Amino acid sequence: MGEHRRLSGTGTGEYEEKRSRFIAQVCPISDEDQAKERIAQVKKRYPDARHHCWAWVLPDGAVRWSDDGEPGGTAGGPIAAVLRGTSVRGALCVVTRYFGGTLLGSGGLVRAYSKAAALALADAGTEPDPEMTVLRAFCPWDSLDRAHRLIREMEASLLESDYESDPERARLTLELPAERAEAFARRLADLTGGKVRFEKI
């Protein structure tokens, strides 16, 4: 599907067909727990709606969806297809339906849920999501301040610090875009006089 993408922000979209209203909301998520919390918030916001159908794509690419009482394959799956069609990851889309009194049929439901999801996704916008690399650096104590300055300068994320396992070195686990990983390792090696050791995770 090409490069991975992420949401630029949150988005909403609304579509109506035969007096049924489809209200879509899309937002970034980092894990399943956050996705479930957001779904619960939407249900609380629209407690009188008949259906709250959803789909999410986690940052690792795992996909899950729910038809929430609609005929199988007419709601959650089409929402997921919209998300996957844009290669977006770390995203949740919930489409709330208020029933208008007229049955839409399978084709009508697929079209309505897909359209509402696409409108919300367009409202949020997407941007490239760079491939990330996780490095573990074993850094001598006397170079630790320089290492932390470089981490901030190159906008790496410090995932874990271990100052106890090795009496001579700190173990720093960090994440940064893959395209900057080599430059980071080279600069940190220069700053420590070649005393730092790396592992790619």
N, C-alpha and C. Protein backbone atom coordinates (compact mmCIF):
# COMPACT_ATOMS: atom_id res chain seq x y z
N MET A 1 0.81 -1.21 0.00
CA MET A 1 0.00 0.00 0.00
C MET A 1 0.84 1.26 0.00
N GLY A 2 2.15 1.15 -0.12
CA GLY A 2 3.00 2.32 -0.11
C GLY A 2 3.34 2.74 1.30
N GLU A 3 3.71 4.01 1.44
CA GLU A 3 4.14 4.49 2.75
C GLU A 3 2.99 4.51 3.74
N HIS A 4 3.33 4.32 5.01
CA HIS A 4 2.34 4.43 6.06
C HIS A 4 2.00 5.90 6.28
N ARG A 5 0.76 6.15 6.69
CA ARG A 5 0.33 7.51 6.98
C ARG A 5 -0.33 7.55 8.35
N ARG A 6 -0.42 8.75 8.91
CA ARG A 6 -1.10 8.93 10.19
C ARG A 6 -2.06 10.10 10.05
N LEU A 7 -2.99 10.20 10.98
CA LEU A 7 -3.93 11.30 10.96
C LEU A 7 -3.22 12.61 11.30
N SER A 8 -3.62 13.67 10.63
CA SER A 8 -3.09 14.99 10.97
C SER A 8 -3.79 15.57 12.20
N GLY A 9 -4.98 15.05 12.50
CA GLY A 9 -5.75 15.52 13.64
C GLY A 9 -7.02 14.71 13.76
N THR A 10 -8.03 15.27 14.42
CA THR A 10 -9.33 14.61 14.49
C THR A 10 -10.22 15.13 13.37
N GLY A 11 -11.27 14.38 13.05
CA GLY A 11 -12.15 14.81 11.99
C GLY A 11 -13.56 14.29 12.20
N THR A 12 -14.54 14.96 11.60
CA THR A 12 -15.93 14.53 11.66
C THR A 12 -16.54 14.58 10.27
N GLY A 13 -17.58 13.82 10.08
CA GLY A 13 -18.30 13.82 8.82
C GLY A 13 -19.71 13.32 9.04
N GLU A 14 -20.64 13.83 8.27
CA GLU A 14 -22.03 13.40 8.42
C GLU A 14 -22.63 13.14 7.05
N TYR A 15 -23.37 12.02 6.98
CA TYR A 15 -24.00 11.63 5.72
C TYR A 15 -25.43 11.21 6.04
N GLU A 16 -26.36 11.55 5.17
CA GLU A 16 -27.77 11.20 5.38
C GLU A 16 -28.31 10.46 4.18
N GLU A 17 -29.04 9.40 4.45
CA GLU A 17 -29.69 8.64 3.37
C GLU A 17 -31.04 8.14 3.87
N LYS A 18 -32.10 8.53 3.16
CA LYS A 18 -33.48 8.14 3.51
C LYS A 18 -33.76 8.39 4.99
N ARG A 19 -33.38 9.57 5.43
CA ARG A 19 -33.59 10.09 6.79
C ARG A 19 -32.77 9.38 7.87
N SER A 20 -31.94 8.41 7.50
CA SER A 20 -30.99 7.86 8.46
C SER A 20 -29.75 8.75 8.47
N ARG A 21 -29.31 9.14 9.67
CA ARG A 21 -28.13 9.98 9.81
C ARG A 21 -26.93 9.13 10.23
N PHE A 22 -25.83 9.36 9.56
CA PHE A 22 -24.58 8.66 9.86
C PHE A 22 -23.55 9.71 10.27
N ILE A 23 -23.18 9.72 11.54
CA ILE A 23 -22.27 10.72 12.08
C ILE A 23 -20.94 10.04 12.38
N ALA A 24 -19.90 10.43 11.65
CA ALA A 24 -18.60 9.76 11.77
C ALA A 24 -17.61 10.66 12.50
N GLN A 25 -16.79 10.02 13.31
CA GLN A 25 -15.71 10.71 14.01
C GLN A 25 -14.45 9.87 13.88
N VAL A 26 -13.35 10.51 13.56
CA VAL A 26 -12.08 9.81 13.43
C VAL A 26 -11.05 10.52 14.31
N CYS A 27 -10.20 9.72 14.96
CA CYS A 27 -9.20 10.31 15.85
C CYS A 27 -7.98 9.41 15.93
N PRO A 28 -6.83 9.97 16.28
CA PRO A 28 -5.63 9.15 16.45
C PRO A 28 -5.73 8.30 17.72
N ILE A 29 -5.15 7.11 17.68
CA ILE A 29 -5.08 6.24 18.86
C ILE A 29 -3.69 5.61 18.90
N SER A 30 -3.27 5.26 20.11
CA SER A 30 -1.97 4.61 20.27
C SER A 30 -2.08 3.13 20.60
N ASP A 31 -3.25 2.70 21.13
CA ASP A 31 -3.42 1.29 21.50
C ASP A 31 -4.90 0.97 21.63
N GLU A 32 -5.20 -0.31 21.92
CA GLU A 32 -6.59 -0.76 22.03
C GLU A 32 -7.32 -0.09 23.18
N ASP A 33 -6.66 0.08 24.30
CA ASP A 33 -7.33 0.68 25.46
C ASP A 33 -7.81 2.09 25.14
N GLN A 34 -6.98 2.85 24.46
CA GLN A 34 -7.38 4.21 24.08
C GLN A 34 -8.54 4.17 23.10
N ALA A 35 -8.51 3.22 22.17
CA ALA A 35 -9.60 3.09 21.20
C ALA A 35 -10.92 2.78 21.90
N LYS A 36 -10.89 1.84 22.84
CA LYS A 36 -12.11 1.46 23.57
C LYS A 36 -12.65 2.63 24.39
N GLU A 37 -11.74 3.41 24.94
CA GLU A 37 -12.16 4.58 25.72
C GLU A 37 -12.86 5.60 24.83
N ARG A 38 -12.31 5.81 23.63
CA ARG A 38 -12.93 6.76 22.70
C ARG A 38 -14.30 6.26 22.22
N ILE A 39 -14.42 4.97 21.99
CA ILE A 39 -15.71 4.41 21.57
C ILE A 39 -16.74 4.63 22.66
N ALA A 40 -16.34 4.39 23.92
CA ALA A 40 -17.25 4.60 25.04
C ALA A 40 -17.69 6.06 25.14
N GLN A 41 -16.77 6.98 24.85
CA GLN A 41 -17.10 8.41 24.87
C GLN A 41 -18.14 8.76 23.82
N VAL A 42 -18.01 8.16 22.62
CA VAL A 42 -18.97 8.42 21.55
C VAL A 42 -20.35 7.87 21.94
N LYS A 43 -20.39 6.68 22.51
CA LYS A 43 -21.67 6.10 22.93
C LYS A 43 -22.34 6.96 23.99
N LYS A 44 -21.54 7.54 24.86
CA LYS A 44 -22.09 8.42 25.90
C LYS A 44 -22.61 9.72 25.30
N ARG A 45 -21.94 10.18 24.25
CA ARG A 45 -22.35 11.43 23.61
C ARG A 45 -23.66 11.27 22.83
N TYR A 46 -23.85 10.08 22.25
CA TYR A 46 -25.08 9.81 21.47
C TYR A 46 -25.79 8.59 22.05
N PRO A 47 -26.33 8.70 23.26
CA PRO A 47 -26.89 7.52 23.94
C PRO A 47 -28.16 6.97 23.29
N ASP A 48 -28.86 7.80 22.52
CA ASP A 48 -30.12 7.37 21.93
C ASP A 48 -29.96 6.85 20.50
N ALA A 49 -28.74 6.76 20.01
CA ALA A 49 -28.52 6.25 18.64
C ALA A 49 -28.67 4.74 18.62
N ARG A 50 -29.05 4.22 17.47
CA ARG A 50 -29.29 2.78 17.37
C ARG A 50 -27.99 1.99 17.22
N HIS A 51 -27.03 2.53 16.49
CA HIS A 51 -25.78 1.79 16.23
C HIS A 51 -24.57 2.71 16.38
N HIS A 52 -23.51 2.14 16.91
CA HIS A 52 -22.20 2.80 16.95
C HIS A 52 -21.19 1.82 16.35
N CYS A 53 -21.01 1.89 15.06
CA CYS A 53 -20.13 0.96 14.35
C CYS A 53 -18.73 1.58 14.26
N TRP A 54 -17.72 0.75 14.30
CA TRP A 54 -16.37 1.31 14.36
C TRP A 54 -15.35 0.39 13.72
N ALA A 55 -14.20 0.97 13.48
CA ALA A 55 -13.03 0.22 13.01
C ALA A 55 -11.80 0.97 13.48
N TRP A 56 -10.76 0.21 13.79
CA TRP A 56 -9.49 0.86 14.12
C TRP A 56 -8.34 0.14 13.44
N VAL A 57 -7.28 0.89 13.21
CA VAL A 57 -6.01 0.35 12.74
C VAL A 57 -4.96 0.82 13.74
N LEU A 58 -4.34 -0.11 14.45
CA LEU A 58 -3.34 0.25 15.44
C LEU A 58 -2.04 0.67 14.76
N PRO A 59 -1.14 1.32 15.50
CA PRO A 59 0.14 1.73 14.90
C PRO A 59 0.93 0.58 14.29
N ASP A 60 0.73 -0.66 14.80
CA ASP A 60 1.45 -1.81 14.24
C ASP A 60 0.73 -2.43 13.06
N GLY A 61 -0.40 -1.85 12.65
CA GLY A 61 -1.14 -2.33 11.48
C GLY A 61 -2.27 -3.28 11.80
N ALA A 62 -2.43 -3.70 13.06
CA ALA A 62 -3.53 -4.60 13.43
C ALA A 62 -4.87 -3.89 13.25
N VAL A 63 -5.82 -4.62 12.66
CA VAL A 63 -7.13 -4.04 12.33
C VAL A 63 -8.23 -4.78 13.08
N ARG A 64 -9.21 -4.04 13.57
CA ARG A 64 -10.37 -4.64 14.22
C ARG A 64 -11.58 -3.77 13.94
N TRP A 65 -12.77 -4.38 13.88
CA TRP A 65 -13.97 -3.59 13.64
C TRP A 65 -15.20 -4.26 14.23
N SER A 66 -16.29 -3.51 14.30
CA SER A 66 -17.56 -4.02 14.83
C SER A 66 -18.71 -3.46 14.00
N ASP A 67 -19.69 -4.35 13.69
CA ASP A 67 -20.92 -3.92 13.00
C ASP A 67 -21.99 -3.46 13.98
N ASP A 68 -21.80 -3.71 15.27
CA ASP A 68 -22.70 -3.25 16.33
C ASP A 68 -24.18 -3.42 15.99
N GLY A 69 -24.53 -4.63 15.58
CA GLY A 69 -25.94 -4.92 15.33
C GLY A 69 -26.40 -4.75 13.90
N GLU A 70 -25.63 -4.09 13.07
CA GLU A 70 -25.97 -4.01 11.65
C GLU A 70 -25.69 -5.37 10.99
N PRO A 71 -26.31 -5.66 9.85
CA PRO A 71 -26.01 -6.92 9.17
C PRO A 71 -24.52 -7.10 8.94
N GLY A 72 -24.03 -8.31 9.12
CA GLY A 72 -22.60 -8.59 9.02
C GLY A 72 -21.97 -8.07 7.75
N GLY A 73 -20.86 -7.37 7.89
CA GLY A 73 -20.11 -6.89 6.74
C GLY A 73 -20.61 -5.61 6.12
N THR A 74 -21.62 -4.96 6.73
CA THR A 74 -22.18 -3.75 6.11
C THR A 74 -21.69 -2.46 6.76
N ALA A 75 -20.96 -2.55 7.87
CA ALA A 75 -20.62 -1.32 8.59
C ALA A 75 -19.14 -1.28 8.99
N GLY A 76 -18.75 -2.09 9.99
CA GLY A 76 -17.37 -2.06 10.47
C GLY A 76 -16.35 -2.38 9.39
N GLY A 77 -16.64 -3.40 8.59
CA GLY A 77 -15.71 -3.78 7.52
C GLY A 77 -15.51 -2.66 6.50
N PRO A 78 -16.60 -2.05 6.01
CA PRO A 78 -16.43 -0.92 5.08
C PRO A 78 -15.69 0.27 5.71
N ILE A 79 -15.91 0.53 6.99
CA ILE A 79 -15.18 1.61 7.66
C ILE A 79 -13.69 1.28 7.67
N ALA A 80 -13.37 0.01 8.02
CA ALA A 80 -11.97 -0.42 8.04
C ALA A 80 -11.35 -0.29 6.65
N ALA A 81 -12.14 -0.62 5.62
CA ALA A 81 -11.62 -0.54 4.25
C ALA A 81 -11.26 0.90 3.88
N VAL A 82 -12.04 1.86 4.37
CA VAL A 82 -11.73 3.26 4.10
C VAL A 82 -10.41 3.64 4.76
N LEU A 83 -10.23 3.22 6.03
CA LEU A 83 -8.97 3.52 6.73
C LEU A 83 -7.78 2.88 6.03
N ARG A 84 -7.92 1.60 5.70
CA ARG A 84 -6.81 0.87 5.09
C ARG A 84 -6.52 1.38 3.68
N GLY A 85 -7.54 1.89 3.03
CA GLY A 85 -7.35 2.39 1.66
C GLY A 85 -6.45 3.60 1.59
N THR A 86 -6.29 4.30 2.72
CA THR A 86 -5.40 5.45 2.75
C THR A 86 -4.07 5.12 3.44
N SER A 87 -3.86 3.85 3.80
CA SER A 87 -2.64 3.39 4.47
C SER A 87 -2.43 4.05 5.82
N VAL A 88 -3.53 4.53 6.43
CA VAL A 88 -3.41 5.21 7.72
C VAL A 88 -3.29 4.18 8.84
N ARG A 89 -2.47 4.51 9.83
CA ARG A 89 -2.31 3.68 11.02
C ARG A 89 -2.50 4.54 12.26
N GLY A 90 -2.77 3.86 13.38
CA GLY A 90 -3.00 4.60 14.61
C GLY A 90 -4.25 5.45 14.53
N ALA A 91 -5.34 4.87 13.98
CA ALA A 91 -6.56 5.64 13.75
C ALA A 91 -7.79 4.84 14.14
N LEU A 92 -8.77 5.54 14.69
CA LEU A 92 -10.08 4.97 15.02
C LEU A 92 -11.15 5.78 14.32
N CYS A 93 -12.13 5.08 13.75
CA CYS A 93 -13.29 5.75 13.17
C CYS A 93 -14.55 5.12 13.75
N VAL A 94 -15.41 5.94 14.34
CA VAL A 94 -16.70 5.50 14.87
C VAL A 94 -17.79 6.19 14.07
N VAL A 95 -18.74 5.40 13.56
CA VAL A 95 -19.87 5.98 12.83
C VAL A 95 -21.14 5.65 13.59
N THR A 96 -21.81 6.69 14.05
CA THR A 96 -23.05 6.57 14.81
C THR A 96 -24.22 6.72 13.86
N ARG A 97 -25.20 5.80 13.98
CA ARG A 97 -26.36 5.86 13.08
C ARG A 97 -27.64 6.11 13.86
N TYR A 98 -28.37 7.12 13.38
CA TYR A 98 -29.74 7.34 13.83
C TYR A 98 -30.67 6.82 12.74
N PHE A 99 -31.48 5.82 13.04
CA PHE A 99 -32.33 5.16 12.06
C PHE A 99 -33.45 6.10 11.63
N GLY A 100 -33.63 6.18 10.31
CA GLY A 100 -34.64 7.10 9.77
C GLY A 100 -35.97 6.46 9.44
N GLY A 101 -36.14 5.17 9.72
CA GLY A 101 -37.42 4.52 9.49
C GLY A 101 -37.50 3.71 8.22
N THR A 102 -36.50 3.83 7.36
CA THR A 102 -36.50 3.09 6.09
C THR A 102 -35.27 2.21 6.02
N LEU A 103 -35.48 0.92 5.73
CA LEU A 103 -34.36 0.00 5.59
C LEU A 103 -33.57 0.36 4.33
N LEU A 104 -32.24 0.35 4.45
CA LEU A 104 -31.40 0.75 3.33
C LEU A 104 -30.88 -0.42 2.51
N GLY A 105 -30.96 -1.63 3.05
CA GLY A 105 -30.39 -2.77 2.36
C GLY A 105 -28.88 -2.81 2.53
N SER A 106 -28.30 -3.96 2.23
CA SER A 106 -26.86 -4.12 2.44
C SER A 106 -26.04 -3.11 1.65
N GLY A 107 -26.38 -2.94 0.38
CA GLY A 107 -25.63 -2.00 -0.45
C GLY A 107 -25.73 -0.58 0.06
N GLY A 108 -26.91 -0.20 0.49
CA GLY A 108 -27.10 1.15 1.00
C GLY A 108 -26.33 1.39 2.29
N LEU A 109 -26.27 0.38 3.15
CA LEU A 109 -25.53 0.51 4.40
C LEU A 109 -24.04 0.63 4.13
N VAL A 110 -23.52 -0.22 3.27
CA VAL A 110 -22.09 -0.16 2.94
C VAL A 110 -21.74 1.21 2.40
N ARG A 111 -22.58 1.72 1.49
CA ARG A 111 -22.32 3.03 0.89
C ARG A 111 -22.36 4.13 1.95
N ALA A 112 -23.35 4.09 2.83
CA ALA A 112 -23.52 5.15 3.82
C ALA A 112 -22.39 5.15 4.85
N TYR A 113 -22.04 3.98 5.37
CA TYR A 113 -20.97 3.92 6.36
C TYR A 113 -19.62 4.30 5.73
N SER A 114 -19.41 3.85 4.51
CA SER A 114 -18.16 4.20 3.82
C SER A 114 -18.07 5.69 3.56
N LYS A 115 -19.18 6.28 3.12
CA LYS A 115 -19.19 7.71 2.80
C LYS A 115 -18.94 8.55 4.04
N ALA A 116 -19.63 8.21 5.15
CA ALA A 116 -19.45 8.97 6.39
C ALA A 116 -18.01 8.87 6.88
N ALA A 117 -17.44 7.67 6.83
CA ALA A 117 -16.06 7.48 7.27
C ALA A 117 -15.10 8.28 6.40
N ALA A 118 -15.33 8.26 5.07
CA ALA A 118 -14.45 8.98 4.15
C ALA A 118 -14.52 10.50 4.40
N LEU A 119 -15.70 11.00 4.71
CA LEU A 119 -15.84 12.44 4.99
C LEU A 119 -15.07 12.83 6.25
N ALA A 120 -15.16 12.00 7.29
CA ALA A 120 -14.44 12.28 8.53
C ALA A 120 -12.93 12.20 8.32
N LEU A 121 -12.51 11.22 7.55
CA LEU A 121 -11.08 11.06 7.29
C LEU A 121 -10.54 12.24 6.48
N ALA A 122 -11.32 12.70 5.51
CA ALA A 122 -10.90 13.86 4.73
C ALA A 122 -10.83 15.11 5.61
N ASP A 123 -11.74 15.21 6.57
CA ASP A 123 -11.74 16.35 7.47
C ASP A 123 -10.51 16.35 8.38
N ALA A 124 -10.12 15.16 8.82
CA ALA A 124 -8.94 15.05 9.69
C ALA A 124 -7.65 15.28 8.92
N GLY A 125 -7.58 14.75 7.72
CA GLY A 125 -6.35 14.83 6.92
C GLY A 125 -5.34 13.79 7.36
N THR A 126 -4.44 13.44 6.47
CA THR A 126 -3.38 12.49 6.79
C THR A 126 -2.04 13.05 6.34
N GLU A 127 -0.98 12.48 6.91
CA GLU A 127 0.38 12.90 6.56
C GLU A 127 1.29 11.69 6.64
N PRO A 128 2.45 11.74 6.01
CA PRO A 128 3.36 10.59 6.06
C PRO A 128 3.74 10.25 7.50
N ASP A 129 3.78 8.96 7.78
CA ASP A 129 4.19 8.46 9.10
C ASP A 129 5.51 7.73 8.90
N PRO A 130 6.63 8.37 9.25
CA PRO A 130 7.93 7.78 8.94
C PRO A 130 8.16 6.46 9.66
N GLU A 131 8.88 5.57 9.00
CA GLU A 131 9.27 4.31 9.63
C GLU A 131 10.18 4.62 10.81
N MET A 132 9.90 3.97 11.94
CA MET A 132 10.65 4.25 13.15
C MET A 132 11.65 3.12 13.45
N THR A 133 12.75 3.49 14.08
CA THR A 133 13.77 2.55 14.52
C THR A 133 13.94 2.67 16.03
N VAL A 134 14.05 1.54 16.68
CA VAL A 134 14.32 1.53 18.12
C VAL A 134 15.77 1.10 18.33
N LEU A 135 16.53 1.94 19.00
CA LEU A 135 17.93 1.67 19.30
C LEU A 135 18.13 1.54 20.81
N ARG A 136 19.05 0.69 21.19
CA ARG A 136 19.48 0.63 22.58
C ARG A 136 20.94 1.05 22.62
N ALA A 137 21.22 2.10 23.37
CA ALA A 137 22.58 2.63 23.46
C ALA A 137 23.13 2.35 24.86
N PHE A 138 24.33 1.77 24.91
CA PHE A 138 25.03 1.53 26.17
C PHE A 138 26.07 2.64 26.29
N CYS A 139 25.77 3.59 27.14
CA CYS A 139 26.52 4.85 27.16
C CYS A 139 27.30 5.00 28.47
N PRO A 140 28.61 5.29 28.38
CA PRO A 140 29.40 5.51 29.59
C PRO A 140 28.82 6.66 30.42
N TRP A 141 28.99 6.56 31.75
CA TRP A 141 28.42 7.56 32.64
C TRP A 141 28.90 8.97 32.33
N ASP A 142 30.18 9.10 31.99
CA ASP A 142 30.72 10.45 31.78
C ASP A 142 30.22 11.10 30.48
N SER A 143 29.48 10.33 29.66
CA SER A 143 28.95 10.88 28.40
C SER A 143 27.43 10.99 28.43
N LEU A 144 26.84 10.71 29.59
CA LEU A 144 25.38 10.64 29.67
C LEU A 144 24.71 11.97 29.38
N ASP A 145 25.25 13.07 29.92
CA ASP A 145 24.65 14.39 29.67
C ASP A 145 24.67 14.72 28.18
N ARG A 146 25.78 14.42 27.51
CA ARG A 146 25.88 14.68 26.07
C ARG A 146 24.88 13.83 25.29
N ALA A 147 24.70 12.59 25.75
CA ALA A 147 23.73 11.70 25.09
C ALA A 147 22.32 12.26 25.21
N HIS A 148 21.96 12.71 26.38
CA HIS A 148 20.61 13.26 26.58
C HIS A 148 20.41 14.54 25.76
N ARG A 149 21.43 15.36 25.65
CA ARG A 149 21.32 16.57 24.83
C ARG A 149 21.09 16.21 23.36
N LEU A 150 21.81 15.19 22.90
CA LEU A 150 21.66 14.77 21.50
C LEU A 150 20.27 14.17 21.26
N ILE A 151 19.77 13.41 22.22
CA ILE A 151 18.42 12.85 22.10
C ILE A 151 17.40 13.96 21.92
N ARG A 152 17.52 15.03 22.72
CA ARG A 152 16.60 16.16 22.58
C ARG A 152 16.81 16.88 21.25
N GLU A 153 18.05 17.09 20.89
CA GLU A 153 18.36 17.83 19.66
C GLU A 153 17.82 17.13 18.43
N MET A 154 17.93 15.80 18.39
CA MET A 154 17.50 15.05 17.21
C MET A 154 16.07 14.53 17.34
N GLU A 155 15.39 15.00 18.40
CA GLU A 155 13.96 14.71 18.60
C GLU A 155 13.68 13.21 18.62
N ALA A 156 14.55 12.49 19.31
CA ALA A 156 14.30 11.06 19.55
C ALA A 156 13.44 10.93 20.80
N SER A 157 12.74 9.83 20.91
CA SER A 157 11.91 9.57 22.09
C SER A 157 12.63 8.57 22.98
N LEU A 158 12.86 8.96 24.23
CA LEU A 158 13.51 8.07 25.18
C LEU A 158 12.45 7.15 25.77
N LEU A 159 12.52 5.87 25.43
CA LEU A 159 11.51 4.90 25.85
C LEU A 159 11.81 4.32 27.23
N GLU A 160 13.10 4.14 27.52
CA GLU A 160 13.46 3.49 28.79
C GLU A 160 14.89 3.87 29.16
N SER A 161 15.12 4.08 30.45
CA SER A 161 16.47 4.34 30.97
C SER A 161 16.78 3.31 32.04
N ASP A 162 17.91 2.64 31.90
CA ASP A 162 18.34 1.66 32.89
C ASP A 162 19.72 2.08 33.42
N TYR A 163 19.76 2.48 34.68
CA TYR A 163 21.00 2.95 35.27
C TYR A 163 21.58 1.95 36.27
N GLU A 164 21.01 0.75 36.35
CA GLU A 164 21.40 -0.19 37.39
C GLU A 164 22.02 -1.49 36.89
N SER A 165 21.68 -1.92 35.68
CA SER A 165 22.11 -3.24 35.21
C SER A 165 23.62 -3.34 35.00
N ASP A 166 24.24 -2.23 34.58
CA ASP A 166 25.67 -2.22 34.26
C ASP A 166 26.34 -1.14 35.09
N PRO A 167 27.35 -1.48 35.89
CA PRO A 167 28.00 -0.47 36.75
C PRO A 167 28.80 0.58 35.96
N GLU A 168 29.11 0.30 34.70
CA GLU A 168 29.95 1.21 33.92
C GLU A 168 29.18 2.01 32.89
N ARG A 169 27.98 1.57 32.53
CA ARG A 169 27.25 2.22 31.45
C ARG A 169 25.76 2.32 31.78
N ALA A 170 25.13 3.35 31.28
CA ALA A 170 23.67 3.45 31.31
C ALA A 170 23.12 2.82 30.03
N ARG A 171 21.96 2.22 30.15
CA ARG A 171 21.32 1.63 28.97
C ARG A 171 20.11 2.48 28.61
N LEU A 172 20.17 3.10 27.46
CA LEU A 172 19.10 3.98 27.00
C LEU A 172 18.41 3.35 25.79
N THR A 173 17.09 3.20 25.88
CA THR A 173 16.31 2.68 24.76
C THR A 173 15.52 3.83 24.17
N LEU A 174 15.73 4.08 22.89
CA LEU A 174 15.10 5.24 22.27
C LEU A 174 14.55 4.91 20.89
N GLU A 175 13.64 5.75 20.46
CA GLU A 175 12.97 5.57 19.16
C GLU A 175 13.10 6.86 18.37
N LEU A 176 13.39 6.71 17.08
CA LEU A 176 13.48 7.88 16.19
C LEU A 176 13.24 7.41 14.75
N PRO A 177 12.92 8.35 13.85
CA PRO A 177 12.72 7.96 12.45
C PRO A 177 13.92 7.22 11.89
N ALA A 178 13.66 6.15 11.14
CA ALA A 178 14.73 5.31 10.62
C ALA A 178 15.75 6.10 9.81
N GLU A 179 15.27 7.14 9.12
CA GLU A 179 16.18 7.92 8.27
C GLU A 179 17.20 8.71 9.08
N ARG A 180 16.93 8.92 10.39
CA ARG A 180 17.87 9.67 11.22
C ARG A 180 18.69 8.76 12.14
N ALA A 181 18.41 7.47 12.14
CA ALA A 181 19.05 6.56 13.09
C ALA A 181 20.56 6.49 12.89
N GLU A 182 20.99 6.38 11.64
CA GLU A 182 22.42 6.25 11.36
C GLU A 182 23.18 7.51 11.77
N ALA A 183 22.60 8.67 11.47
CA ALA A 183 23.24 9.93 11.84
C ALA A 183 23.31 10.08 13.35
N PHE A 184 22.25 9.65 14.04
CA PHE A 184 22.25 9.73 15.51
C PHE A 184 23.37 8.86 16.08
N ALA A 185 23.46 7.61 15.60
CA ALA A 185 24.48 6.69 16.12
C ALA A 185 25.89 7.23 15.85
N ARG A 186 26.09 7.80 14.67
CA ARG A 186 27.40 8.33 14.32
C ARG A 186 27.77 9.52 15.21
N ARG A 187 26.82 10.40 15.44
CA ARG A 187 27.11 11.58 16.27
C ARG A 187 27.34 11.21 17.73
N LEU A 188 26.56 10.25 18.23
CA LEU A 188 26.76 9.85 19.62
C LEU A 188 28.09 9.14 19.81
N ALA A 189 28.49 8.37 18.80
CA ALA A 189 29.80 7.72 18.86
C ALA A 189 30.91 8.77 18.89
N ASP A 190 30.75 9.82 18.10
CA ASP A 190 31.75 10.90 18.10
C ASP A 190 31.81 11.60 19.46
N LEU A 191 30.63 11.85 20.04
CA LEU A 191 30.56 12.56 21.32
C LEU A 191 31.17 11.76 22.47
N THR A 192 31.16 10.44 22.34
CA THR A 192 31.67 9.59 23.43
C THR A 192 33.04 9.02 23.12
N GLY A 193 33.65 9.50 22.06
CA GLY A 193 34.97 8.97 21.70
C GLY A 193 34.94 7.50 21.30
N GLY A 194 33.80 7.08 20.74
CA GLY A 194 33.66 5.70 20.29
C GLY A 194 33.38 4.70 21.41
N LYS A 195 33.05 5.21 22.60
CA LYS A 195 32.84 4.30 23.73
C LYS A 195 31.41 3.78 23.85
N VAL A 196 30.49 4.37 23.11
CA VAL A 196 29.11 3.92 23.18
C VAL A 196 28.93 2.69 22.30
N ARG A 197 28.03 1.80 22.75
CA ARG A 197 27.73 0.58 21.97
C ARG A 197 26.23 0.56 21.69
N PHE A 198 25.87 0.08 20.49
CA PHE A 198 24.46 0.12 20.08
C PHE A 198 23.92 -1.28 19.81
N GLU A 199 22.62 -1.42 20.03
CA GLU A 199 21.86 -2.58 19.56
C GLU A 199 20.62 -2.04 18.84
N LYS A 200 20.30 -2.61 17.70
CA LYS A 200 19.07 -2.26 17.01
C LYS A 200 18.00 -3.28 17.41
N ILE A 201 16.87 -2.79 17.89
CA ILE A 201 15.83 -3.69 18.39
C ILE A 201 14.77 -3.88 17.31
